[in-house]
Amino acid sequence: MDKRERKANVILYPGLVKRLIEKGMDALKDKDGQKALQYFVDAESYESENQQVVFGKMLSLIELGRLQEALIHSKQLLHAGESDYYEVLQVHISLLVQLGDYNEVVQLLEAVLTEEKLPSQYAESFYQLLHFSRQMIEDREWAPSAKEEDSISEKVQPMLFAESVELQASAIWMLRESDAPDAISLLIEYIGKENNDPVLVSLALQSLRDKGLHTKITYKKGTQTLEVNPSEIDQDGLEAFQRDVVKKLEQLVESEDPILLEIARQLCVTYMLAIYPHYPEPKADLFWGCVFYACAAERIGLECLEVMQMEGIDQERLLEKMEEVMEMEASVYQV
């Protein structure tokens, strides 16, 4: 009897698949693609057609850099049509761009953009991706081939400095994974330009840290010009502080509302990434747990008086930070 047959004969523990999905998503937030993938593979052995499982498995493969495998799952989700079609389509197109399959991007987007009911929040991005892919096809026809080990600029630079933040994000991911000698210089050039998305600047800084850059560099966030030595970024401390904030959130929410908790967690991840490599001020996990809890509650129309009036929490500063978090979350790239 093989493993699949043995599992078929086991009585499924109530909520097991849901719990495996939650653990997988938590692992993805911690950037642990291998652990996340294992959770989703385990869930898949029970419910192979579960769209959340397929989606999570796709994200795990992307995190691990296994893009061709991830593309198989994005196609599966598009054909199933049960998930958010345009959200999945955006991921699917991003994978095609990273793999350099611009002809497929053009064919797919030309078909999609003929539809009359294209959601407005996706339209501009899709038009930019279509224009970019057409340009890349045209450039590829005229430009001589180049080996990536010698240079990645020709392929990535147009993406990195395109208007589309999705293209920029894909370019940063490609530079993070590349061993080409000009990958570091492109990342440094990117973070030195004004008006780039603060989350994408943070992802570029993380990439430079991962590449072991030991030189002090200048980067811009908003109107600020800052300096940092990527090798001196307190990555472990920042991740530990974020975990502490999430623990406080879980204690505050308890079993009250899983949707509220998930929104609060996402707000925490986005805000921490947007201000990276700095700690939030004040550096107090309970205070920030209250901030993200209150922001999430306000978003879904719930009262949270017990948090707003918690002893030891500066109410004026809490309201100030709530406004800051909500404004930032509304204006930055969502990872």
C-alpha atoms as a PDB file:
ATOM      1  CA  MET A   1       0.000   0.000   0.000  1.00  0.00           C
ATOM      2  CA  ASP A   2       1.587   3.313  -1.052  1.00  0.00           C
ATOM      3  CA  LYS A   3       1.516   6.596   0.843  1.00  0.00           C
ATOM      4  CA  ARG A   4      -1.503   7.959  -1.039  1.00  0.00           C
ATOM      5  CA  GLU A   5      -3.533   4.813  -0.375  1.00  0.00           C
ATOM      6  CA  ARG A   6      -2.627   4.846   3.312  1.00  0.00           C
ATOM      7  CA  LYS A   7      -3.768   8.469   3.594  1.00  0.00           C
ATOM      8  CA  ALA A   8      -7.013   7.613   1.822  1.00  0.00           C
ATOM      9  CA  ASN A   9      -7.759   5.161   4.636  1.00  0.00           C
ATOM     10  CA  VAL A  10      -7.050   7.697   7.402  1.00  0.00           C
ATOM     11  CA  ILE A  11      -9.933   9.648   8.926  1.00  0.00           C
ATOM     12  CA  LEU A  12      -9.217  13.307   8.134  1.00  0.00           C
ATOM     13  CA  TYR A  13      -8.769  15.358  11.296  1.00  0.00           C
ATOM     14  CA  PRO A  14     -11.333  18.207  11.273  1.00  0.00           C
ATOM     15  CA  GLY A  15      -9.756  21.385   9.966  1.00  0.00           C
ATOM     16  CA  LEU A  16      -6.455  19.679   9.105  1.00  0.00           C
ATOM     17  CA  VAL A  17      -6.219  21.010   5.546  1.00  0.00           C
ATOM     18  CA  LYS A  18      -7.138  24.507   6.692  1.00  0.00           C
ATOM     19  CA  ARG A  19      -4.442  24.317   9.365  1.00  0.00           C
ATOM     20  CA  LEU A  20      -1.844  23.109   6.863  1.00  0.00           C
ATOM     21  CA  ILE A  21      -2.737  26.023   4.563  1.00  0.00           C
ATOM     22  CA  GLU A  22      -2.356  28.492   7.460  1.00  0.00           C
ATOM     23  CA  LYS A  23       1.035  27.038   8.397  1.00  0.00           C
ATOM     24  CA  GLY A  24       2.116  27.207   4.769  1.00  0.00           C
ATOM     25  CA  MET A  25       1.144  30.874   4.477  1.00  0.00           C
ATOM     26  CA  ASP A  26       2.944  31.668   7.742  1.00  0.00           C
ATOM     27  CA  ALA A  27       6.084  29.991   6.375  1.00  0.00           C
ATOM     28  CA  LEU A  28       5.804  32.081   3.201  1.00  0.00           C
ATOM     29  CA  LYS A  29       5.637  35.256   5.287  1.00  0.00           C
ATOM     30  CA  ASP A  30       8.859  34.121   6.947  1.00  0.00           C
ATOM     31  CA  LYS A  31      10.370  33.620   3.446  1.00  0.00           C
ATOM     32  CA  ASP A  32      10.806  29.881   4.149  1.00  0.00           C
ATOM     33  CA  GLY A  33       9.766  28.518   0.776  1.00  0.00           C
ATOM     34  CA  GLN A  34      10.872  24.945   1.476  1.00  0.00           C
ATOM     35  CA  LYS A  35       8.847  24.616   4.673  1.00  0.00           C
ATOM     36  CA  ALA A  36       5.847  26.287   3.020  1.00  0.00           C
ATOM     37  CA  LEU A  37       6.024  23.910   0.073  1.00  0.00           C
ATOM     38  CA  GLN A  38       6.012  20.894   2.379  1.00  0.00           C
ATOM     39  CA  TYR A  39       2.869  22.110   4.138  1.00  0.00           C
ATOM     40  CA  PHE A  40       1.070  22.618   0.830  1.00  0.00           C
ATOM     41  CA  VAL A  41       2.248  19.259  -0.528  1.00  0.00           C
ATOM     42  CA  ASP A  42       0.853  17.610   2.619  1.00  0.00           C
ATOM     43  CA  ALA A  43      -2.442  19.462   2.157  1.00  0.00           C
ATOM     44  CA  GLU A  44      -2.487  18.483  -1.510  1.00  0.00           C
ATOM     45  CA  SER A  45      -2.349  14.788  -0.575  1.00  0.00           C
ATOM     46  CA  TYR A  46      -5.766  15.251   1.081  1.00  0.00           C
ATOM     47  CA  GLU A  47      -7.410  17.814  -1.213  1.00  0.00           C
ATOM     48  CA  SER A  48      -5.575  17.978  -4.525  1.00  0.00           C
ATOM     49  CA  GLU A  49      -8.207  20.219  -6.152  1.00  0.00           C
ATOM     50  CA  ASN A  50      -8.331  22.779  -3.318  1.00  0.00           C
ATOM     51  CA  GLN A  51      -7.552  26.112  -5.023  1.00  0.00           C
ATOM     52  CA  GLN A  52      -5.980  27.613  -1.892  1.00  0.00           C
ATOM     53  CA  VAL A  53      -3.593  24.672  -1.782  1.00  0.00           C
ATOM     54  CA  VAL A  54      -2.653  25.076  -5.446  1.00  0.00           C
ATOM     55  CA  PHE A  55      -2.208  28.830  -4.983  1.00  0.00           C
ATOM     56  CA  GLY A  56       0.003  28.320  -1.927  1.00  0.00           C
ATOM     57  CA  LYS A  57       2.076  25.694  -3.695  1.00  0.00           C
ATOM     58  CA  MET A  58       2.582  28.099  -6.604  1.00  0.00           C
ATOM     59  CA  LEU A  59       3.774  30.880  -4.254  1.00  0.00           C
ATOM     60  CA  SER A  60       6.145  28.450  -2.514  1.00  0.00           C
ATOM     61  CA  LEU A  61       7.705  27.428  -5.818  1.00  0.00           C
ATOM     62  CA  ILE A  62       8.141  31.093  -6.749  1.00  0.00           C
ATOM     63  CA  GLU A  63       9.878  31.726  -3.433  1.00  0.00           C
ATOM     64  CA  LEU A  64      12.210  28.801  -4.181  1.00  0.00           C
ATOM     65  CA  GLY A  65      12.956  30.107  -7.671  1.00  0.00           C
ATOM     66  CA  ARG A  66      11.311  27.119  -9.367  1.00  0.00           C
ATOM     67  CA  LEU A  67       9.464  29.286 -11.859  1.00  0.00           C
ATOM     68  CA  GLN A  68       8.697  26.679 -14.527  1.00  0.00           C
ATOM     69  CA  GLU A  69       6.937  24.523 -11.932  1.00  0.00           C
ATOM     70  CA  ALA A  70       5.102  27.547 -10.538  1.00  0.00           C
ATOM     71  CA  LEU A  71       3.914  28.357 -14.060  1.00  0.00           C
ATOM     72  CA  ILE A  72       2.203  24.946 -14.270  1.00  0.00           C
ATOM     73  CA  HIS A  73       0.172  25.788 -11.171  1.00  0.00           C
ATOM     74  CA  SER A  74      -0.706  29.310 -12.304  1.00  0.00           C
ATOM     75  CA  LYS A  75      -2.068  27.791 -15.532  1.00  0.00           C
ATOM     76  CA  GLN A  76      -4.062  25.290 -13.480  1.00  0.00           C
ATOM     77  CA  LEU A  77      -5.599  28.091 -11.420  1.00  0.00           C
ATOM     78  CA  LEU A  78      -6.466  30.129 -14.513  1.00  0.00           C
ATOM     79  CA  HIS A  79      -8.185  27.176 -16.146  1.00  0.00           C
ATOM     80  CA  ALA A  80     -10.075  26.304 -12.945  1.00  0.00           C
ATOM     81  CA  GLY A  81     -11.464  29.831 -12.756  1.00  0.00           C
ATOM     82  CA  GLU A  82     -12.402  29.497  -9.083  1.00  0.00           C
ATOM     83  CA  SER A  83      -9.822  31.889  -7.640  1.00  0.00           C
ATOM     84  CA  ASP A  84      -9.496  35.621  -8.255  1.00  0.00           C
ATOM     85  CA  TYR A  85      -8.857  35.311 -11.983  1.00  0.00           C
ATOM     86  CA  TYR A  86      -7.109  38.646 -12.496  1.00  0.00           C
ATOM     87  CA  GLU A  87      -4.922  38.297  -9.406  1.00  0.00           C
ATOM     88  CA  VAL A  88      -3.761  34.876 -10.634  1.00  0.00           C
ATOM     89  CA  LEU A  89      -3.349  36.257 -14.161  1.00  0.00           C
ATOM     90  CA  GLN A  90      -1.051  38.967 -12.821  1.00  0.00           C
ATOM     91  CA  VAL A  91       1.143  36.338 -11.138  1.00  0.00           C
ATOM     92  CA  HIS A  92       1.056  34.167 -14.269  1.00  0.00           C
ATOM     93  CA  ILE A  93       2.153  37.038 -16.513  1.00  0.00           C
ATOM     94  CA  SER A  94       4.879  37.996 -14.050  1.00  0.00           C
ATOM     95  CA  LEU A  95       6.235  34.446 -14.277  1.00  0.00           C
ATOM     96  CA  LEU A  96       6.166  34.553 -18.087  1.00  0.00           C
ATOM     97  CA  VAL A  97       8.049  37.865 -18.067  1.00  0.00           C
ATOM     98  CA  GLN A  98      10.700  36.510 -15.694  1.00  0.00           C
ATOM     99  CA  LEU A  99      11.099  33.458 -17.918  1.00  0.00           C
ATOM    100  CA  GLY A 100      11.403  35.691 -20.987  1.00  0.00           C
ATOM    101  CA  ASP A 101       8.333  34.277 -22.752  1.00  0.00           C
ATOM    102  CA  TYR A 102       7.216  37.630 -24.145  1.00  0.00           C
ATOM    103  CA  ASN A 103       5.308  36.158 -27.085  1.00  0.00           C
ATOM    104  CA  GLU A 104       3.041  34.266 -24.689  1.00  0.00           C
ATOM    105  CA  VAL A 105       2.524  37.454 -22.646  1.00  0.00           C
ATOM    106  CA  VAL A 106       1.487  39.397 -25.738  1.00  0.00           C
ATOM    107  CA  GLN A 107      -0.900  36.696 -26.960  1.00  0.00           C
ATOM    108  CA  LEU A 108      -2.506  36.347 -23.545  1.00  0.00           C
ATOM    109  CA  LEU A 109      -2.858  40.056 -22.799  1.00  0.00           C
ATOM    110  CA  GLU A 110      -4.154  40.916 -26.261  1.00  0.00           C
ATOM    111  CA  ALA A 111      -6.945  38.393 -25.672  1.00  0.00           C
ATOM    112  CA  VAL A 112      -7.664  39.639 -22.142  1.00  0.00           C
ATOM    113  CA  LEU A 113      -7.646  43.336 -23.051  1.00  0.00           C
ATOM    114  CA  THR A 114     -10.352  42.828 -25.652  1.00  0.00           C
ATOM    115  CA  GLU A 115     -12.760  41.975 -22.832  1.00  0.00           C
ATOM    116  CA  GLU A 116     -15.140  44.787 -21.946  1.00  0.00           C
ATOM    117  CA  LYS A 117     -15.260  44.182 -18.187  1.00  0.00           C
ATOM    118  CA  LEU A 118     -11.565  44.356 -17.332  1.00  0.00           C
ATOM    119  CA  PRO A 119     -11.293  45.623 -13.705  1.00  0.00           C
ATOM    120  CA  SER A 120      -9.867  49.140 -13.613  1.00  0.00           C
ATOM    121  CA  GLN A 121      -7.262  48.277 -10.942  1.00  0.00           C
ATOM    122  CA  TYR A 122      -5.606  45.846 -13.374  1.00  0.00           C
ATOM    123  CA  ALA A 123      -6.037  47.667 -16.673  1.00  0.00           C
ATOM    124  CA  GLU A 124      -3.101  50.099 -16.467  1.00  0.00           C
ATOM    125  CA  SER A 125      -0.674  47.422 -15.289  1.00  0.00           C
ATOM    126  CA  PHE A 126      -1.720  45.012 -18.045  1.00  0.00           C
ATOM    127  CA  TYR A 127      -1.355  47.682 -20.737  1.00  0.00           C
ATOM    128  CA  GLN A 128       2.142  48.505 -19.470  1.00  0.00           C
ATOM    129  CA  LEU A 129       3.117  44.831 -19.435  1.00  0.00           C
ATOM    130  CA  LEU A 130       1.791  44.405 -22.974  1.00  0.00           C
ATOM    131  CA  HIS A 131       3.731  47.416 -24.213  1.00  0.00           C
ATOM    132  CA  PHE A 132       6.891  46.236 -22.463  1.00  0.00           C
ATOM    133  CA  SER A 133       6.621  42.698 -23.863  1.00  0.00           C
ATOM    134  CA  ARG A 134       6.078  43.971 -27.401  1.00  0.00           C
ATOM    135  CA  GLN A 135       9.140  46.167 -27.010  1.00  0.00           C
ATOM    136  CA  MET A 136      11.216  43.255 -25.731  1.00  0.00           C
ATOM    137  CA  ILE A 137      10.169  41.096 -28.694  1.00  0.00           C
ATOM    138  CA  GLU A 138      11.161  43.880 -31.075  1.00  0.00           C
ATOM    139  CA  ASP A 139      14.489  44.476 -29.287  1.00  0.00           C
ATOM    140  CA  ARG A 140      15.247  40.753 -29.224  1.00  0.00           C
ATOM    141  CA  GLU A 141      14.823  40.549 -33.003  1.00  0.00           C
ATOM    142  CA  TRP A 142      17.461  43.238 -33.547  1.00  0.00           C
ATOM    143  CA  ALA A 143      19.859  42.834 -30.624  1.00  0.00           C
ATOM    144  CA  PRO A 144      22.738  40.338 -30.570  1.00  0.00           C
ATOM    145  CA  SER A 145      22.465  37.589 -27.982  1.00  0.00           C
ATOM    146  CA  ALA A 146      24.318  38.019 -24.663  1.00  0.00           C
ATOM    147  CA  LYS A 147      25.286  35.530 -21.993  1.00  0.00           C
ATOM    148  CA  GLU A 148      23.784  36.211 -18.574  1.00  0.00           C
ATOM    149  CA  GLU A 149      26.965  35.220 -16.794  1.00  0.00           C
ATOM    150  CA  ASP A 150      28.594  38.215 -18.501  1.00  0.00           C
ATOM    151  CA  SER A 151      25.728  40.692 -18.118  1.00  0.00           C
ATOM    152  CA  ILE A 152      22.113  40.825 -17.019  1.00  0.00           C
ATOM    153  CA  SER A 153      21.598  44.530 -17.776  1.00  0.00           C
ATOM    154  CA  GLU A 154      20.173  44.087 -21.270  1.00  0.00           C
ATOM    155  CA  LYS A 155      17.383  41.816 -20.051  1.00  0.00           C
ATOM    156  CA  VAL A 156      16.546  43.376 -16.690  1.00  0.00           C
ATOM    157  CA  GLN A 157      17.251  47.099 -16.957  1.00  0.00           C
ATOM    158  CA  PRO A 158      14.136  47.899 -19.056  1.00  0.00           C
ATOM    159  CA  MET A 159      12.026  46.072 -16.469  1.00  0.00           C
ATOM    160  CA  LEU A 160      13.742  47.649 -13.453  1.00  0.00           C
ATOM    161  CA  PHE A 161      13.068  51.180 -14.652  1.00  0.00           C
ATOM    162  CA  ALA A 162       9.663  50.597 -16.250  1.00  0.00           C
ATOM    163  CA  GLU A 163       6.606  52.417 -14.931  1.00  0.00           C
ATOM    164  CA  SER A 164       4.933  49.175 -13.873  1.00  0.00           C
ATOM    165  CA  VAL A 165       5.737  48.237 -10.258  1.00  0.00           C
ATOM    166  CA  GLU A 166       5.005  44.612 -11.168  1.00  0.00           C
ATOM    167  CA  LEU A 167       7.823  44.711 -13.727  1.00  0.00           C
ATOM    168  CA  GLN A 168      10.114  46.393 -11.209  1.00  0.00           C
ATOM    169  CA  ALA A 169       9.334  43.706  -8.623  1.00  0.00           C
ATOM    170  CA  SER A 170      10.049  40.954 -11.157  1.00  0.00           C
ATOM    171  CA  ALA A 171      13.339  42.620 -12.084  1.00  0.00           C
ATOM    172  CA  ILE A 172      14.425  42.865  -8.446  1.00  0.00           C
ATOM    173  CA  TRP A 173      13.644  39.184  -7.952  1.00  0.00           C
ATOM    174  CA  MET A 174      15.696  38.287 -11.040  1.00  0.00           C
ATOM    175  CA  LEU A 175      18.618  40.398  -9.822  1.00  0.00           C
ATOM    176  CA  ARG A 176      18.425  38.789  -6.398  1.00  0.00           C
ATOM    177  CA  GLU A 177      18.758  35.336  -7.974  1.00  0.00           C
ATOM    178  CA  SER A 178      21.411  36.316 -10.533  1.00  0.00           C
ATOM    179  CA  ASP A 179      25.163  35.857 -10.130  1.00  0.00           C
ATOM    180  CA  ALA A 180      25.901  38.274 -12.982  1.00  0.00           C
ATOM    181  CA  PRO A 181      28.521  40.864 -11.973  1.00  0.00           C
ATOM    182  CA  ASP A 182      26.279  43.816 -12.852  1.00  0.00           C
ATOM    183  CA  ALA A 183      23.347  42.643 -10.692  1.00  0.00           C
ATOM    184  CA  ILE A 184      24.645  44.539  -7.658  1.00  0.00           C
ATOM    185  CA  SER A 185      25.304  47.766  -9.583  1.00  0.00           C
ATOM    186  CA  LEU A 186      21.760  47.687 -11.021  1.00  0.00           C
ATOM    187  CA  LEU A 187      20.230  47.258  -7.565  1.00  0.00           C
ATOM    188  CA  ILE A 188      22.333  50.150  -6.232  1.00  0.00           C
ATOM    189  CA  GLU A 189      21.247  52.312  -9.170  1.00  0.00           C
ATOM    190  CA  TYR A 190      17.603  51.447  -8.510  1.00  0.00           C
ATOM    191  CA  ILE A 191      17.585  52.363  -4.811  1.00  0.00           C
ATOM    192  CA  GLY A 192      19.373  55.637  -5.541  1.00  0.00           C
ATOM    193  CA  LYS A 193      16.570  56.970  -7.741  1.00  0.00           C
ATOM    194  CA  GLU A 194      13.752  59.128  -6.403  1.00  0.00           C
ATOM    195  CA  ASN A 195      10.079  58.164  -6.219  1.00  0.00           C
ATOM    196  CA  ASN A 196      10.566  54.393  -6.276  1.00  0.00           C
ATOM    197  CA  ASP A 197       8.111  52.367  -4.214  1.00  0.00           C
ATOM    198  CA  PRO A 198       9.467  52.056  -0.633  1.00  0.00           C
ATOM    199  CA  VAL A 199       8.611  48.345  -0.412  1.00  0.00           C
ATOM    200  CA  LEU A 200      10.511  47.625  -3.627  1.00  0.00           C
ATOM    201  CA  VAL A 201      13.463  49.675  -2.362  1.00  0.00           C
ATOM    202  CA  SER A 202      13.419  47.500   0.765  1.00  0.00           C
ATOM    203  CA  LEU A 203      13.369  44.324  -1.336  1.00  0.00           C
ATOM    204  CA  ALA A 204      16.365  45.643  -3.286  1.00  0.00           C
ATOM    205  CA  LEU A 205      18.188  46.396  -0.021  1.00  0.00           C
ATOM    206  CA  GLN A 206      17.459  42.870   1.209  1.00  0.00           C
ATOM    207  CA  SER A 207      18.870  41.524  -2.050  1.00  0.00           C
ATOM    208  CA  LEU A 208      22.060  43.528  -1.579  1.00  0.00           C
ATOM    209  CA  ARG A 209      22.368  42.229   1.974  1.00  0.00           C
ATOM    210  CA  ASP A 210      21.853  38.653   0.765  1.00  0.00           C
ATOM    211  CA  LYS A 211      24.587  39.193  -1.805  1.00  0.00           C
ATOM    212  CA  GLY A 212      26.982  40.160   1.008  1.00  0.00           C
ATOM    213  CA  LEU A 213      27.582  43.785   0.013  1.00  0.00           C
ATOM    214  CA  HIS A 214      29.830  45.366   2.657  1.00  0.00           C
ATOM    215  CA  THR A 215      29.977  48.914   1.296  1.00  0.00           C
ATOM    216  CA  LYS A 216      27.993  51.880   2.628  1.00  0.00           C
ATOM    217  CA  ILE A 217      25.468  52.937  -0.021  1.00  0.00           C
ATOM    218  CA  THR A 218      22.913  55.724  -0.472  1.00  0.00           C
ATOM    219  CA  TYR A 219      19.236  54.988  -0.968  1.00  0.00           C
ATOM    220  CA  LYS A 220      16.077  57.076  -1.239  1.00  0.00           C
ATOM    221  CA  LYS A 221      12.705  56.592   0.406  1.00  0.00           C
ATOM    222  CA  GLY A 222      10.170  59.295  -0.258  1.00  0.00           C
ATOM    223  CA  THR A 223      11.903  62.623   0.256  1.00  0.00           C
ATOM    224  CA  GLN A 224      14.627  61.129   2.452  1.00  0.00           C
ATOM    225  CA  THR A 225      18.165  60.307   1.343  1.00  0.00           C
ATOM    226  CA  LEU A 226      19.667  57.703   3.674  1.00  0.00           C
ATOM    227  CA  GLU A 227      22.805  55.604   4.017  1.00  0.00           C
ATOM    228  CA  VAL A 228      23.292  51.991   5.054  1.00  0.00           C
ATOM    229  CA  ASN A 229      25.842  49.209   4.877  1.00  0.00           C
ATOM    230  CA  PRO A 230      23.699  46.219   3.819  1.00  0.00           C
ATOM    231  CA  SER A 231      25.918  43.753   5.687  1.00  0.00           C
ATOM    232  CA  GLU A 232      25.200  45.639   8.943  1.00  0.00           C
ATOM    233  CA  ILE A 233      21.392  45.478   8.653  1.00  0.00           C
ATOM    234  CA  ASP A 234      19.964  43.766  11.735  1.00  0.00           C
ATOM    235  CA  GLN A 235      17.918  41.257   9.718  1.00  0.00           C
ATOM    236  CA  ASP A 236      17.590  38.719  12.536  1.00  0.00           C
ATOM    237  CA  GLY A 237      16.498  41.391  14.995  1.00  0.00           C
ATOM    238  CA  LEU A 238      13.926  42.868  12.611  1.00  0.00           C
ATOM    239  CA  GLU A 239      12.437  39.441  11.891  1.00  0.00           C
ATOM    240  CA  ALA A 240      12.332  38.614  15.618  1.00  0.00           C
ATOM    241  CA  PHE A 241      10.593  41.924  16.390  1.00  0.00           C
ATOM    242  CA  GLN A 242       8.002  41.266  13.668  1.00  0.00           C
ATOM    243  CA  ARG A 243       7.326  37.817  15.116  1.00  0.00           C
ATOM    244  CA  ASP A 244       6.877  39.373  18.572  1.00  0.00           C
ATOM    245  CA  VAL A 245       4.356  41.876  17.176  1.00  0.00           C
ATOM    246  CA  VAL A 246       2.418  39.053  15.489  1.00  0.00           C
ATOM    247  CA  LYS A 247       2.358  37.114  18.789  1.00  0.00           C
ATOM    248  CA  LYS A 248       0.874  40.164  20.512  1.00  0.00           C
ATOM    249  CA  LEU A 249      -1.681  40.406  17.723  1.00  0.00           C
ATOM    250  CA  GLU A 250      -2.670  36.775  18.213  1.00  0.00           C
ATOM    251  CA  GLN A 251      -3.094  37.384  21.954  1.00  0.00           C
ATOM    252  CA  LEU A 252      -5.217  40.489  21.339  1.00  0.00           C
ATOM    253  CA  VAL A 253      -7.435  38.876  18.723  1.00  0.00           C
ATOM    254  CA  GLU A 254      -7.533  35.399  20.318  1.00  0.00           C
ATOM    255  CA  SER A 255     -10.336  33.537  18.533  1.00  0.00           C
ATOM    256  CA  GLU A 256     -12.336  36.697  17.910  1.00  0.00           C
ATOM    257  CA  ASP A 257     -12.058  36.974  14.149  1.00  0.00           C
ATOM    258  CA  PRO A 258      -9.605  35.118  11.838  1.00  0.00           C
ATOM    259  CA  ILE A 259     -10.206  37.668   9.059  1.00  0.00           C
ATOM    260  CA  LEU A 260      -9.259  40.533  11.367  1.00  0.00           C
ATOM    261  CA  LEU A 261      -6.096  38.685  12.395  1.00  0.00           C
ATOM    262  CA  GLU A 262      -5.083  38.018   8.784  1.00  0.00           C
ATOM    263  CA  ILE A 263      -5.600  41.682   7.809  1.00  0.00           C
ATOM    264  CA  ALA A 264      -3.615  42.824  10.853  1.00  0.00           C
ATOM    265  CA  ARG A 265      -0.779  40.433  10.006  1.00  0.00           C
ATOM    266  CA  GLN A 266      -0.622  41.703   6.425  1.00  0.00           C
ATOM    267  CA  LEU A 267      -0.572  45.304   7.617  1.00  0.00           C
ATOM    268  CA  CYS A 268       2.314  44.406   9.920  1.00  0.00           C
ATOM    269  CA  VAL A 269       4.302  42.750   7.104  1.00  0.00           C
ATOM    270  CA  THR A 270       3.710  45.641   4.677  1.00  0.00           C
ATOM    271  CA  TYR A 271       4.554  48.375   7.170  1.00  0.00           C
ATOM    272  CA  MET A 272       7.687  46.670   8.467  1.00  0.00           C
ATOM    273  CA  LEU A 273       8.892  46.125   4.917  1.00  0.00           C
ATOM    274  CA  ALA A 274       8.112  49.703   3.912  1.00  0.00           C
ATOM    275  CA  ILE A 275      10.272  51.168   6.719  1.00  0.00           C
ATOM    276  CA  TYR A 276      13.039  48.532   6.387  1.00  0.00           C
ATOM    277  CA  PRO A 277      15.883  48.466   7.447  1.00  0.00           C
ATOM    278  CA  HIS A 278      14.661  50.488  10.436  1.00  0.00           C
ATOM    279  CA  TYR A 279      12.646  49.451  13.451  1.00  0.00           C
ATOM    280  CA  PRO A 280       9.279  51.139  13.967  1.00  0.00           C
ATOM    281  CA  GLU A 281       9.150  53.832  16.626  1.00  0.00           C
ATOM    282  CA  PRO A 282       8.516  53.256  19.451  1.00  0.00           C
ATOM    283  CA  LYS A 283      10.200  49.845  19.462  1.00  0.00           C
ATOM    284  CA  ALA A 284       7.444  48.226  21.519  1.00  0.00           C
ATOM    285  CA  ASP A 285       5.716  45.045  20.322  1.00  0.00           C
ATOM    286  CA  LEU A 286       2.506  45.557  22.347  1.00  0.00           C
ATOM    287  CA  PHE A 287       2.080  49.114  21.061  1.00  0.00           C
ATOM    288  CA  TRP A 288       2.444  48.003  17.440  1.00  0.00           C
ATOM    289  CA  GLY A 289       0.204  44.997  18.016  1.00  0.00           C
ATOM    290  CA  CYS A 290      -2.473  47.462  19.143  1.00  0.00           C
ATOM    291  CA  VAL A 291      -1.840  49.696  16.093  1.00  0.00           C
ATOM    292  CA  PHE A 292      -2.245  46.890  13.556  1.00  0.00           C
ATOM    293  CA  TYR A 293      -5.222  45.419  15.438  1.00  0.00           C
ATOM    294  CA  ALA A 294      -6.994  48.795  15.492  1.00  0.00           C
ATOM    295  CA  CYS A 295      -6.244  49.428  11.783  1.00  0.00           C
ATOM    296  CA  ALA A 296      -7.618  46.019  10.799  1.00  0.00           C
ATOM    297  CA  ALA A 297     -10.714  46.473  12.967  1.00  0.00           C
ATOM    298  CA  GLU A 298     -11.412  49.875  11.437  1.00  0.00           C
ATOM    299  CA  ARG A 299     -11.076  48.428   7.930  1.00  0.00           C
ATOM    300  CA  ILE A 300     -13.782  45.806   8.503  1.00  0.00           C
ATOM    301  CA  GLY A 301     -16.012  48.043  10.613  1.00  0.00           C
ATOM    302  CA  LEU A 302     -15.409  46.556  14.064  1.00  0.00           C
ATOM    303  CA  GLU A 303     -15.032  48.425  17.346  1.00  0.00           C
ATOM    304  CA  CYS A 304     -11.882  47.867  19.362  1.00  0.00           C
ATOM    305  CA  LEU A 305     -12.369  50.039  22.446  1.00  0.00           C
ATOM    306  CA  GLU A 306     -10.444  47.637  24.691  1.00  0.00           C
ATOM    307  CA  VAL A 307      -7.352  48.195  22.529  1.00  0.00           C
ATOM    308  CA  MET A 308      -7.887  51.906  22.010  1.00  0.00           C
ATOM    309  CA  GLN A 309      -8.164  52.403  25.767  1.00  0.00           C
ATOM    310  CA  MET A 310      -5.553  49.876  26.907  1.00  0.00           C
ATOM    311  CA  GLU A 311      -3.592  50.952  29.955  1.00  0.00           C
ATOM    312  CA  GLY A 312      -0.053  52.044  29.172  1.00  0.00           C
ATOM    313  CA  ILE A 313      -0.781  52.813  25.513  1.00  0.00           C
ATOM    314  CA  ASP A 314      -0.364  56.425  24.423  1.00  0.00           C
ATOM    315  CA  GLN A 315      -3.726  57.003  22.740  1.00  0.00           C
ATOM    316  CA  GLU A 316      -2.673  60.102  20.816  1.00  0.00           C
ATOM    317  CA  ARG A 317       0.370  58.332  19.412  1.00  0.00           C
ATOM    318  CA  LEU A 318      -1.701  55.236  18.659  1.00  0.00           C
ATOM    319  CA  LEU A 319      -4.060  57.282  16.478  1.00  0.00           C
ATOM    320  CA  GLU A 320      -1.101  58.992  14.807  1.00  0.00           C
ATOM    321  CA  LYS A 321       0.533  55.666  13.924  1.00  0.00           C
ATOM    322  CA  MET A 322      -2.783  54.188  12.758  1.00  0.00           C
ATOM    323  CA  GLU A 323      -3.106  56.992  10.230  1.00  0.00           C
ATOM    324  CA  GLU A 324       0.516  56.508   9.141  1.00  0.00           C
ATOM    325  CA  VAL A 325       0.052  52.751   8.640  1.00  0.00           C
ATOM    326  CA  MET A 326      -3.171  53.122   6.668  1.00  0.00           C
ATOM    327  CA  GLU A 327      -1.755  55.824   4.403  1.00  0.00           C
ATOM    328  CA  MET A 328       1.384  53.822   3.732  1.00  0.00           C
ATOM    329  CA  GLU A 329      -0.481  50.577   3.101  1.00  0.00           C
ATOM    330  CA  ALA A 330      -2.718  52.295   0.558  1.00  0.00           C
ATOM    331  CA  SER A 331       0.205  53.654  -1.434  1.00  0.00           C
ATOM    332  CA  VAL A 332       2.828  50.887  -1.573  1.00  0.00           C
ATOM    333  CA  TYR A 333       3.354  47.702  -3.533  1.00  0.00           C
ATOM    334  CA  GLN A 334       1.732  44.680  -1.915  1.00  0.00           C
ATOM    335  CA  VAL A 335       3.967  41.640  -1.572  1.00  0.00           C
END
